[in-house]
PDB file of N, CA and C in Angstrom:
ATOM      1  N   MET A   1     -68.567 -99.523-136.871  1.00  0.00           N
ATOM      2  CA  MET A   1     -68.088 -98.427-137.889  1.00  0.00           C
ATOM      3  C   MET A   1     -66.910 -98.747-138.334  1.00  0.00           C
ATOM      4  N   ILE A   2     -65.415 -99.245-137.816  1.00  0.00           N
ATOM      5  CA  ILE A   2     -63.889 -99.303-138.895  1.00  0.00           C
ATOM      6  C   ILE A   2     -64.097-100.026-139.523  1.00  0.00           C
ATOM      7  N   SER A   3     -65.118-100.692-139.730  1.00  0.00           N
ATOM      8  CA  SER A   3     -65.437-102.002-141.013  1.00  0.00           C
ATOM      9  C   SER A   3     -66.026-101.022-141.666  1.00  0.00           C
ATOM     10  N   ASN A   4     -66.707-100.573-141.489  1.00  0.00           N
ATOM     11  CA  ASN A   4     -67.382 -99.895-142.943  1.00  0.00           C
ATOM     12  C   ASN A   4     -66.525 -99.052-143.329  1.00  0.00           C
ATOM     13  N   PHE A   5     -65.534 -98.287-142.530  1.00  0.00           N
ATOM     14  CA  PHE A   5     -64.099 -97.489-143.110  1.00  0.00           C
ATOM     15  C   PHE A   5     -63.938 -98.487-144.087  1.00  0.00           C
ATOM     16  N   SER A   6     -62.981 -99.463-143.043  1.00  0.00           N
ATOM     17  CA  SER A   6     -62.282 -99.957-144.281  1.00  0.00           C
ATOM     18  C   SER A   6     -62.699-100.509-146.105  1.00  0.00           C
ATOM     19  N   SER A   7     -64.237-101.360-145.650  1.00  0.00           N
ATOM     20  CA  SER A   7     -64.922-101.179-146.818  1.00  0.00           C
ATOM     21  C   SER A   7     -64.875-100.315-147.735  1.00  0.00           C
ATOM     22  N   ASP A   8     -65.582 -99.260-147.136  1.00  0.00           N
ATOM     23  CA  ASP A   8     -65.663 -97.966-148.389  1.00  0.00           C
ATOM     24  C   ASP A   8     -64.327 -97.572-148.555  1.00  0.00           C
ATOM     25  N   ALA A   9     -63.113 -97.284-147.841  1.00  0.00           N
ATOM     26  CA  ALA A   9     -61.574 -97.224-148.341  1.00  0.00           C
ATOM     27  C   ALA A   9     -61.804 -98.088-149.539  1.00  0.00           C
ATOM     28  N   SER A  10     -62.136 -99.512-149.181  1.00  0.00           N
ATOM     29  CA  SER A  10     -61.276-100.211-150.672  1.00  0.00           C
ATOM     30  C   SER A  10     -61.758-100.208-151.411  1.00  0.00           C
ATOM     31  N   SER A  11     -63.265 -99.670-151.572  1.00  0.00           N
ATOM     32  CA  SER A  11     -64.036 -99.604-152.969  1.00  0.00           C
ATOM     33  C   SER A  11     -63.509 -97.951-153.153  1.00  0.00           C
ATOM     34  N   ASN A  12     -62.831 -97.231-152.417  1.00  0.00           N
ATOM     35  CA  ASN A  12     -62.576 -95.996-153.221  1.00  0.00           C
ATOM     36  C   ASN A  12     -63.447 -95.021-152.592  1.00  0.00           C
ATOM     37  N   ASN A  13     -64.584 -95.129-152.219  1.00  0.00           N
ATOM     38  CA  ASN A  13     -65.587 -94.327-151.860  1.00  0.00           C
ATOM     39  C   ASN A  13     -65.315 -93.465-150.552  1.00  0.00           C
ATOM     40  N   SER A  14     -64.550 -92.120-151.279  1.00  0.00           N
ATOM     41  CA  SER A  14     -64.109 -91.349-150.350  1.00  0.00           C
ATOM     42  C   SER A  14     -65.400 -90.364-150.199  1.00  0.00           C
ATOM     43  N   SER A  15     -66.376 -90.390-150.826  1.00  0.00           N
ATOM     44  CA  SER A  15     -67.642 -89.708-150.645  1.00  0.00           C
ATOM     45  C   SER A  15     -68.226 -90.409-149.516  1.00  0.00           C
ATOM     46  N   ALA A  16     -68.982 -91.804-149.393  1.00  0.00           N
ATOM     47  CA  ALA A  16     -69.118 -92.242-148.336  1.00  0.00           C
ATOM     48  C   ALA A  16     -68.426 -92.304-147.387  1.00  0.00           C
ATOM     49  N   ILE A  17     -67.681 -91.767-146.783  1.00  0.00           N
ATOM     50  CA  ILE A  17     -66.501 -92.147-145.951  1.00  0.00           C
ATOM     51  C   ILE A  17     -66.686 -90.546-145.208  1.00  0.00           C
ATOM     52  N   CYS A  18     -66.804 -89.672-146.507  1.00  0.00           N
ATOM     53  CA  CYS A  18     -67.081 -88.083-145.915  1.00  0.00           C
ATOM     54  C   CYS A  18     -68.963 -88.077-144.906  1.00  0.00           C
ATOM     55  N   LYS A  19     -69.369 -89.075-145.997  1.00  0.00           N
ATOM     56  CA  LYS A  19     -70.664 -88.277-145.456  1.00  0.00           C
ATOM     57  C   LYS A  19     -71.331 -89.603-144.211  1.00  0.00           C
ATOM     58  N   SER A  20     -70.786 -90.367-144.320  1.00  0.00           N
ATOM     59  CA  SER A  20     -71.354 -91.594-142.960  1.00  0.00           C
ATOM     60  C   SER A  20     -70.297 -91.480-141.871  1.00  0.00           C
ATOM     61  N   ILE A  21     -69.199 -91.880-142.500  1.00  0.00           N
ATOM     62  CA  ILE A  21     -68.302 -92.609-141.361  1.00  0.00           C
ATOM     63  C   ILE A  21     -67.820 -91.653-140.783  1.00  0.00           C
ATOM     64  N   LEU A  22     -66.868 -90.353-141.304  1.00  0.00           N
ATOM     65  CA  LEU A  22     -66.368 -89.382-140.137  1.00  0.00           C
ATOM     66  C   LEU A  22     -67.231 -88.041-139.696  1.00  0.00           C
ATOM     67  N   ALA A  23     -67.154 -87.681-138.432  1.00  0.00           N
ATOM     68  CA  ALA A  23     -67.923 -87.135-137.693  1.00  0.00           C
ATOM     69  C   ALA A  23     -67.689 -85.550-138.578  1.00  0.00           C
ATOM     70  N   THR A  24     -68.801 -84.468-138.487  1.00  0.00           N
ATOM     71  CA  THR A  24     -69.627 -83.601-138.813  1.00  0.00           C
ATOM     72  C   THR A  24     -68.336 -82.488-138.828  1.00  0.00           C
ATOM     73  N   SER A  25     -67.784 -82.751-137.298  1.00  0.00           N
ATOM     74  CA  SER A  25     -66.673 -81.562-137.120  1.00  0.00           C
ATOM     75  C   SER A  25     -65.229 -82.019-138.057  1.00  0.00           C
ATOM     76  N   LEU A  26     -64.426 -83.221-138.271  1.00  0.00           N
ATOM     77  CA  LEU A  26     -63.504 -83.776-139.229  1.00  0.00           C
ATOM     78  C   LEU A  26     -64.014 -83.304-140.665  1.00  0.00           C
ATOM     79  N   VAL A  27     -64.867 -83.781-140.788  1.00  0.00           N
ATOM     80  CA  VAL A  27     -65.348 -82.910-142.596  1.00  0.00           C
ATOM     81  C   VAL A  27     -65.681 -81.626-142.261  1.00  0.00           C
ATOM     82  N   LYS A  28     -66.037 -80.868-141.740  1.00  0.00           N
ATOM     83  CA  LYS A  28     -65.953 -79.325-141.617  1.00  0.00           C
ATOM     84  C   LYS A  28     -64.128 -79.114-141.905  1.00  0.00           C
ATOM     85  N   HIS A  29     -63.786 -79.621-140.766  1.00  0.00           N
ATOM     86  CA  HIS A  29     -61.973 -79.090-141.242  1.00  0.00           C
ATOM     87  C   HIS A  29     -61.200 -79.233-142.477  1.00  0.00           C
ATOM     88  N   LEU A  30     -61.827 -80.492-142.388  1.00  0.00           N
ATOM     89  CA  LEU A  30     -61.371 -81.146-144.101  1.00  0.00           C
ATOM     90  C   LEU A  30     -61.771 -79.998-145.431  1.00  0.00           C
ATOM     91  N   ASN A  31     -62.672 -79.620-145.050  1.00  0.00           N
ATOM     92  CA  ASN A  31     -63.989 -78.991-146.538  1.00  0.00           C
ATOM     93  C   ASN A  31     -62.994 -77.642-145.936  1.00  0.00           C
ATOM     94  N   SER A  32     -62.467 -76.856-144.737  1.00  0.00           N
ATOM     95  CA  SER A  32     -61.836 -75.861-144.480  1.00  0.00           C
ATOM     96  C   SER A  32     -60.013 -75.474-145.139  1.00  0.00           C
ATOM     97  N   ILE A  33     -59.514 -76.586-145.377  1.00  0.00           N
ATOM     98  CA  ILE A  33     -58.453 -77.244-146.271  1.00  0.00           C
ATOM     99  C   ILE A  33     -58.402 -77.533-147.681  1.00  0.00           C
ATOM    100  N   GLY A  34     -59.569 -77.667-148.153  1.00  0.00           N
ATOM    101  CA  GLY A  34     -59.889 -78.460-149.338  1.00  0.00           C
ATOM    102  C   GLY A  34     -61.056 -78.203-149.649  1.00  0.00           C
ATOM    103  N   SER A  35     -61.068 -80.345-149.807  1.00  0.00           N
ATOM    104  CA  SER A  35     -62.362 -80.844-150.390  1.00  0.00           C
ATOM    105  C   SER A  35     -62.237 -82.218-149.557  1.00  0.00           C
ATOM    106  N   CYS A  36     -62.831 -82.694-148.542  1.00  0.00           N
ATOM    107  CA  CYS A  36     -62.843 -83.971-148.050  1.00  0.00           C
ATOM    108  C   CYS A  36     -62.787 -85.005-148.168  1.00  0.00           C
ATOM    109  N   THR A  37     -63.526 -85.484-149.742  1.00  0.00           N
ATOM    110  CA  THR A  37     -63.740 -86.085-151.032  1.00  0.00           C
ATOM    111  C   THR A  37     -62.372 -86.112-151.088  1.00  0.00           C
ATOM    112  N   THR A  38     -62.061 -85.213-151.556  1.00  0.00           N
ATOM    113  CA  THR A  38     -60.319 -85.543-152.635  1.00  0.00           C
ATOM    114  C   THR A  38     -59.038 -85.408-151.242  1.00  0.00           C
ATOM    115  N   ILE A  39     -59.404 -85.294-150.464  1.00  0.00           N
ATOM    116  CA  ILE A  39     -58.424 -85.514-149.551  1.00  0.00           C
ATOM    117  C   ILE A  39     -58.366 -86.700-149.124  1.00  0.00           C
ATOM    118  N   ILE A  40     -59.479 -87.513-148.785  1.00  0.00           N
ATOM    119  CA  ILE A  40     -59.644 -88.654-148.362  1.00  0.00           C
ATOM    120  C   ILE A  40     -58.985 -89.395-149.724  1.00  0.00           C
ATOM    121  N   GLY A  41     -59.730 -88.911-150.576  1.00  0.00           N
ATOM    122  CA  GLY A  41     -59.172 -89.853-151.492  1.00  0.00           C
ATOM    123  C   GLY A  41     -58.016 -90.154-152.041  1.00  0.00           C
ATOM    124  N   ASN A  42     -57.046 -88.794-151.663  1.00  0.00           N
ATOM    125  CA  ASN A  42     -56.102 -89.214-152.030  1.00  0.00           C
ATOM    126  C   ASN A  42     -55.296 -90.059-151.481  1.00  0.00           C
ATOM    127  N   GLN A  43     -55.504 -89.868-149.787  1.00  0.00           N
ATOM    128  CA  GLN A  43     -55.164 -90.577-148.925  1.00  0.00           C
ATOM    129  C   GLN A  43     -55.067 -92.482-148.953  1.00  0.00           C
ATOM    130  N   ILE A  44     -56.420 -92.490-149.401  1.00  0.00           N
ATOM    131  CA  ILE A  44     -56.944 -93.891-149.524  1.00  0.00           C
ATOM    132  C   ILE A  44     -56.033 -94.169-151.055  1.00  0.00           C
ATOM    133  N   ASN A  45     -55.457 -93.445-151.806  1.00  0.00           N
ATOM    134  CA  ASN A  45     -54.407 -93.887-152.444  1.00  0.00           C
ATOM    135  C   ASN A  45     -53.210 -94.344-152.419  1.00  0.00           C
ATOM    136  N   THR A  46     -52.859 -93.949-150.810  1.00  0.00           N
ATOM    137  CA  THR A  46     -51.661 -94.265-150.518  1.00  0.00           C
ATOM    138  C   THR A  46     -51.607 -95.691-149.585  1.00  0.00           C
ATOM    139  N   VAL A  47     -52.811 -96.191-149.551  1.00  0.00           N
ATOM    140  CA  VAL A  47     -52.870 -96.848-148.315  1.00  0.00           C
ATOM    141  C   VAL A  47     -52.305 -98.401-149.348  1.00  0.00           C
ATOM    142  N   GLU A  48     -51.868 -99.449-148.805  1.00  0.00           N
ATOM    143  CA  GLU A  48     -51.736-100.953-149.518  1.00  0.00           C
ATOM    144  C   GLU A  48     -52.569-101.809-148.663  1.00  0.00           C
ATOM    145  N   SER A  49     -52.862-101.899-147.789  1.00  0.00           N
ATOM    146  CA  SER A  49     -53.992-102.566-146.717  1.00  0.00           C
ATOM    147  C   SER A  49     -54.759-102.047-146.484  1.00  0.00           C
ATOM    148  N   PHE A  50     -55.616-102.785-146.452  1.00  0.00           N
ATOM    149  CA  PHE A  50     -57.713-102.107-146.081  1.00  0.00           C
ATOM    150  C   PHE A  50     -57.674-103.416-144.790  1.00  0.00           C
ATOM    151  N   SER A  51     -56.832-103.931-144.547  1.00  0.00           N
ATOM    152  CA  SER A  51     -57.136-105.452-143.653  1.00  0.00           C
ATOM    153  C   SER A  51     -57.111-104.471-142.203  1.00  0.00           C
ATOM    154  N   THR A  52     -58.179-104.915-140.892  1.00  0.00           N
ATOM    155  CA  THR A  52     -57.830-103.792-139.875  1.00  0.00           C
ATOM    156  C   THR A  52     -58.615-104.829-138.651  1.00  0.00           C
ATOM    157  N   THR A  53     -57.979-104.995-137.316  1.00  0.00           N
ATOM    158  CA  THR A  53     -58.245-105.649-136.865  1.00  0.00           C
ATOM    159  C   THR A  53     -58.531-104.410-135.189  1.00  0.00           C
ATOM    160  N   VAL A  54     -59.783-104.572-134.584  1.00  0.00           N
ATOM    161  CA  VAL A  54     -59.645-103.826-133.686  1.00  0.00           C
ATOM    162  C   VAL A  54     -59.306-104.716-132.312  1.00  0.00           C
ATOM    163  N   THR A  55     -57.926-104.251-132.045  1.00  0.00           N
ATOM    164  CA  THR A  55     -57.931-105.207-130.609  1.00  0.00           C
ATOM    165  C   THR A  55     -57.743-104.698-129.270  1.00  0.00           C
ATOM    166  N   LYS A  56     -58.336-103.193-129.241  1.00  0.00           N
ATOM    167  CA  LYS A  56     -58.499-102.974-127.714  1.00  0.00           C
ATOM    168  C   LYS A  56     -59.811-101.492-127.983  1.00  0.00           C
ATOM    169  N   TYR A  57     -60.502-101.444-127.070  1.00  0.00           N
ATOM    170  CA  TYR A  57     -61.386-100.070-127.313  1.00  0.00           C
ATOM    171  C   TYR A  57     -62.343 -99.758-126.415  1.00  0.00           C
ATOM    172  N   GLY A  58     -62.468 -98.415-125.545  1.00  0.00           N
ATOM    173  CA  GLY A  58     -62.961 -98.075-124.417  1.00  0.00           C
ATOM    174  C   GLY A  58     -63.942 -96.783-125.171  1.00  0.00           C
ATOM    175  N   VAL A  59     -64.797 -97.073-124.109  1.00  0.00           N
ATOM    176  CA  VAL A  59     -65.767 -95.907-124.321  1.00  0.00           C
ATOM    177  C   VAL A  59     -66.373 -95.003-123.317  1.00  0.00           C
ATOM    178  N   ALA A  60     -66.474 -94.051-123.445  1.00  0.00           N
ATOM    179  CA  ALA A  60     -67.133 -93.483-121.990  1.00  0.00           C
ATOM    180  C   ALA A  60     -67.616 -92.037-122.187  1.00  0.00           C
ATOM    181  N   GLY A  61     -69.070 -92.638-122.081  1.00  0.00           N
ATOM    182  CA  GLY A  61     -70.535 -91.357-122.655  1.00  0.00           C
ATOM    183  C   GLY A  61     -70.577 -91.365-124.223  1.00  0.00           C
ATOM    184  N   ASN A  62     -70.061 -90.663-124.668  1.00  0.00           N
ATOM    185  CA  ASN A  62     -70.533 -89.973-126.271  1.00  0.00           C
ATOM    186  C   ASN A  62     -69.237 -90.030-126.918  1.00  0.00           C
ATOM    187  N   SER A  63     -68.258 -90.193-125.795  1.00  0.00           N
ATOM    188  CA  SER A  63     -66.733 -90.621-126.861  1.00  0.00           C
ATOM    189  C   SER A  63     -66.416 -92.159-126.805  1.00  0.00           C
ATOM    190  N   ALA A  64     -65.249 -92.681-127.910  1.00  0.00           N
ATOM    191  CA  ALA A  64     -64.691 -93.472-127.531  1.00  0.00           C
ATOM    192  C   ALA A  64     -63.538 -94.038-128.517  1.00  0.00           C
ATOM    193  N   THR A  65     -63.036 -94.788-128.203  1.00  0.00           N
ATOM    194  CA  THR A  65     -61.298 -94.516-128.797  1.00  0.00           C
ATOM    195  C   THR A  65     -61.563 -96.450-128.705  1.00  0.00           C
ATOM    196  N   ALA A  66     -60.828 -96.675-129.894  1.00  0.00           N
ATOM    197  CA  ALA A  66     -60.229 -97.666-130.650  1.00  0.00           C
ATOM    198  C   ALA A  66     -58.720 -98.078-130.813  1.00  0.00           C
ATOM    199  N   LEU A  67     -57.965 -99.196-130.457  1.00  0.00           N
ATOM    200  CA  LEU A  67     -56.562 -99.416-130.678  1.00  0.00           C
ATOM    201  C   LEU A  67     -56.855-100.419-132.276  1.00  0.00           C
ATOM    202  N   VAL A  68     -56.287-100.147-133.439  1.00  0.00           N
ATOM    203  CA  VAL A  68     -56.913-100.735-134.334  1.00  0.00           C
ATOM    204  C   VAL A  68     -55.306-101.014-135.041  1.00  0.00           C
ATOM    205  N   LYS A  69     -55.548-102.519-135.393  1.00  0.00           N
ATOM    206  CA  LYS A  69     -53.963-102.634-135.721  1.00  0.00           C
ATOM    207  C   LYS A  69     -54.134-103.105-137.798  1.00  0.00           C
ATOM    208  N   SER A  70     -53.394-102.401-138.243  1.00  0.00           N
ATOM    209  CA  SER A  70     -53.466-102.888-139.677  1.00  0.00           C
ATOM    210  C   SER A  70     -52.227-102.381-140.759  1.00  0.00           C
ATOM    211  N   PRO A  71     -51.656-103.853-141.165  1.00  0.00           N
ATOM    212  CA  PRO A  71     -50.736-104.025-142.344  1.00  0.00           C
ATOM    213  C   PRO A  71     -49.880-103.054-142.317  1.00  0.00           C
ATOM    214  N   TYR A  72     -48.433-102.565-142.526  1.00  0.00           N
ATOM    215  CA  TYR A  72     -48.360-101.515-143.294  1.00  0.00           C
ATOM    216  C   TYR A  72     -46.784-102.087-143.607  1.00  0.00           C
ATOM    217  N   ASN A  73     -46.506-101.991-144.901  1.00  0.00           N
ATOM    218  CA  ASN A  73     -44.614-102.344-145.344  1.00  0.00           C
ATOM    219  C   ASN A  73     -44.146-103.566-144.517  1.00  0.00           C
ATOM    220  N   GLY A  74     -45.140-104.478-144.293  1.00  0.00           N
ATOM    221  CA  GLY A  74     -44.752-105.805-143.767  1.00  0.00           C
ATOM    222  C   GLY A  74     -44.707-106.239-142.384  1.00  0.00           C
ATOM    223  N   THR A  75     -45.291-105.184-141.865  1.00  0.00           N
ATOM    224  CA  THR A  75     -45.439-105.315-140.395  1.00  0.00           C
ATOM    225  C   THR A  75     -46.931-104.587-139.895  1.00  0.00           C
ATOM    226  N   ASN A  76     -47.046-105.126-138.834  1.00  0.00           N
ATOM    227  CA  ASN A  76     -48.794-104.886-138.078  1.00  0.00           C
ATOM    228  C   ASN A  76     -47.906-102.921-137.510  1.00  0.00           C
ATOM    229  N   ARG A  77     -48.610-102.008-138.292  1.00  0.00           N
ATOM    230  CA  ARG A  77     -49.331-100.491-137.464  1.00  0.00           C
ATOM    231  C   ARG A  77     -50.319-100.361-135.993  1.00  0.00           C
ATOM    232  N   LEU A  78     -50.250-100.225-134.790  1.00  0.00           N
ATOM    233  CA  LEU A  78     -51.183 -99.605-134.365  1.00  0.00           C
ATOM    234  C   LEU A  78     -51.496 -98.283-134.470  1.00  0.00           C
ATOM    235  N   TYR A  79     -53.044 -97.722-134.356  1.00  0.00           N
ATOM    236  CA  TYR A  79     -53.124 -96.736-134.372  1.00  0.00           C
ATOM    237  C   TYR A  79     -54.637 -96.690-133.283  1.00  0.00           C
ATOM    238  N   THR A  80     -54.410 -95.291-132.961  1.00  0.00           N
ATOM    239  CA  THR A  80     -55.668 -94.994-132.020  1.00  0.00           C
ATOM    240  C   THR A  80     -56.764 -93.934-132.919  1.00  0.00           C
ATOM    241  N   VAL A  81     -57.923 -94.813-132.845  1.00  0.00           N
ATOM    242  CA  VAL A  81     -59.153 -94.321-133.991  1.00  0.00           C
ATOM    243  C   VAL A  81     -59.543 -93.441-132.709  1.00  0.00           C
ATOM    244  N   LYS A  82     -59.938 -91.998-132.986  1.00  0.00           N
ATOM    245  CA  LYS A  82     -61.191 -91.433-131.757  1.00  0.00           C
ATOM    246  C   LYS A  82     -62.565 -91.440-132.475  1.00  0.00           C
ATOM    247  N   LEU A  83     -63.948 -91.480-131.502  1.00  0.00           N
ATOM    248  CA  LEU A  83     -64.932 -91.696-131.907  1.00  0.00           C
ATOM    249  C   LEU A  83     -65.672 -90.653-131.125  1.00  0.00           C
ATOM    250  N   VAL A  84     -66.294 -90.419-132.176  1.00  0.00           N
ATOM    251  CA  VAL A  84     -67.749 -89.782-131.091  1.00  0.00           C
ATOM    252  C   VAL A  84     -69.387 -90.794-131.915  1.00  0.00           C
ATOM    253  N   LYS A  85     -70.295 -89.768-130.715  1.00  0.00           N
ATOM    254  CA  LYS A  85     -71.788 -90.550-130.885  1.00  0.00           C
ATOM    255  C   LYS A  85     -72.347 -89.146-131.676  1.00  0.00           C
ATOM    256  N   GLN A  86     -73.217 -89.422-132.796  1.00  0.00           N
ATOM    257  CA  GLN A  86     -73.326 -88.501-133.294  1.00  0.00           C
ATOM    258  C   GLN A  86     -74.370 -88.739-134.326  1.00  0.00           C
ATOM    259  N   GLY A  87     -75.324 -88.294-133.724  1.00  0.00           N
ATOM    260  CA  GLY A  87     -77.150 -88.650-134.302  1.00  0.00           C
ATOM    261  C   GLY A  87     -77.149 -89.900-133.779  1.00  0.00           C
ATOM    262  N   GLY A  88     -76.947 -90.081-133.053  1.00  0.00           N
ATOM    263  CA  GLY A  88     -77.348 -91.684-132.471  1.00  0.00           C
ATOM    264  C   GLY A  88     -76.591 -93.242-133.163  1.00  0.00           C
ATOM    265  N   SER A  89     -75.103 -92.283-134.060  1.00  0.00           N
ATOM    266  CA  SER A  89     -74.108 -93.410-134.344  1.00  0.00           C
ATOM    267  C   SER A  89     -72.964 -93.335-134.114  1.00  0.00           C
ATOM    268  N   TRP A  90     -72.097 -93.644-133.773  1.00  0.00           N
ATOM    269  CA  TRP A  90     -70.650 -93.525-134.022  1.00  0.00           C
ATOM    270  C   TRP A  90     -69.653 -93.148-135.189  1.00  0.00           C
ATOM    271  N   ARG A  91     -68.958 -91.888-135.114  1.00  0.00           N
ATOM    272  CA  ARG A  91     -67.973 -91.410-136.367  1.00  0.00           C
ATOM    273  C   ARG A  91     -67.161 -91.427-135.892  1.00  0.00           C
ATOM    274  N   ILE A  92     -66.378 -91.437-137.314  1.00  0.00           N
ATOM    275  CA  ILE A  92     -64.578 -91.389-136.719  1.00  0.00           C
ATOM    276  C   ILE A  92     -64.212 -89.744-136.674  1.00  0.00           C
ATOM    277  N   SER A  93     -63.634 -89.304-135.737  1.00  0.00           N
ATOM    278  CA  SER A  93     -63.210 -87.673-135.262  1.00  0.00           C
ATOM    279  C   SER A  93     -61.576 -88.221-135.456  1.00  0.00           C
ATOM    280  N   GLY A  94     -61.419 -88.793-135.531  1.00  0.00           N
ATOM    281  CA  GLY A  94     -59.238 -88.903-135.803  1.00  0.00           C
ATOM    282  C   GLY A  94     -58.733 -90.164-135.568  1.00  0.00           C
ATOM    283  N   LEU A  95     -57.706 -90.039-136.289  1.00  0.00           N
ATOM    284  CA  LEU A  95     -56.793 -91.525-136.463  1.00  0.00           C
ATOM    285  C   LEU A  95     -55.386 -90.861-136.075  1.00  0.00           C
ATOM    286  N   ASN A  96     -54.566 -91.377-135.075  1.00  0.00           N
ATOM    287  CA  ASN A  96     -53.365 -91.142-134.667  1.00  0.00           C
ATOM    288  C   ASN A  96     -52.373 -92.266-134.541  1.00  0.00           C
ATOM    289  N   PRO A  97     -51.127 -92.303-134.931  1.00  0.00           N
ATOM    290  CA  PRO A  97     -50.532 -93.646-135.023  1.00  0.00           C
ATOM    291  C   PRO A  97     -50.466 -93.540-133.071  1.00  0.00           C
ATOM    292  N   ALA A  98     -50.878 -95.031-132.888  1.00  0.00           N
ATOM    293  CA  ALA A  98     -50.828 -95.663-130.928  1.00  0.00           C
ATOM    294  C   ALA A  98     -49.366 -95.203-130.947  1.00  0.00           C
ATOM    295  N   LYS A  99     -49.124 -94.734-129.949  1.00  0.00           N
ATOM    296  CA  LYS A  99     -48.010 -94.346-128.667  1.00  0.00           C
ATOM    297  C   LYS A  99     -47.643 -95.713-127.759  1.00  0.00           C
TER     298      LYS A  99
END
């Protein structure tokens, strides 16, 4: 899932991200404040590297978290990616800097 997100982001395919990668609840939230594809597209334009490495993950029923490392401004940053199982596949429901 995370590699698909990176691939679609590097291709600037915000439509595919909103349609196939993000959880329905997140897409609805983004659409309530604008357009999911526009918001994701704007965010993609600020990314300097689409390289990601999952360093740790945990699954609890229909939810999961992954600790993802990605380069930013010459250093590696860690992010917590929240996932939910939706329609038999995992979808990204949130992303936060790791604490």
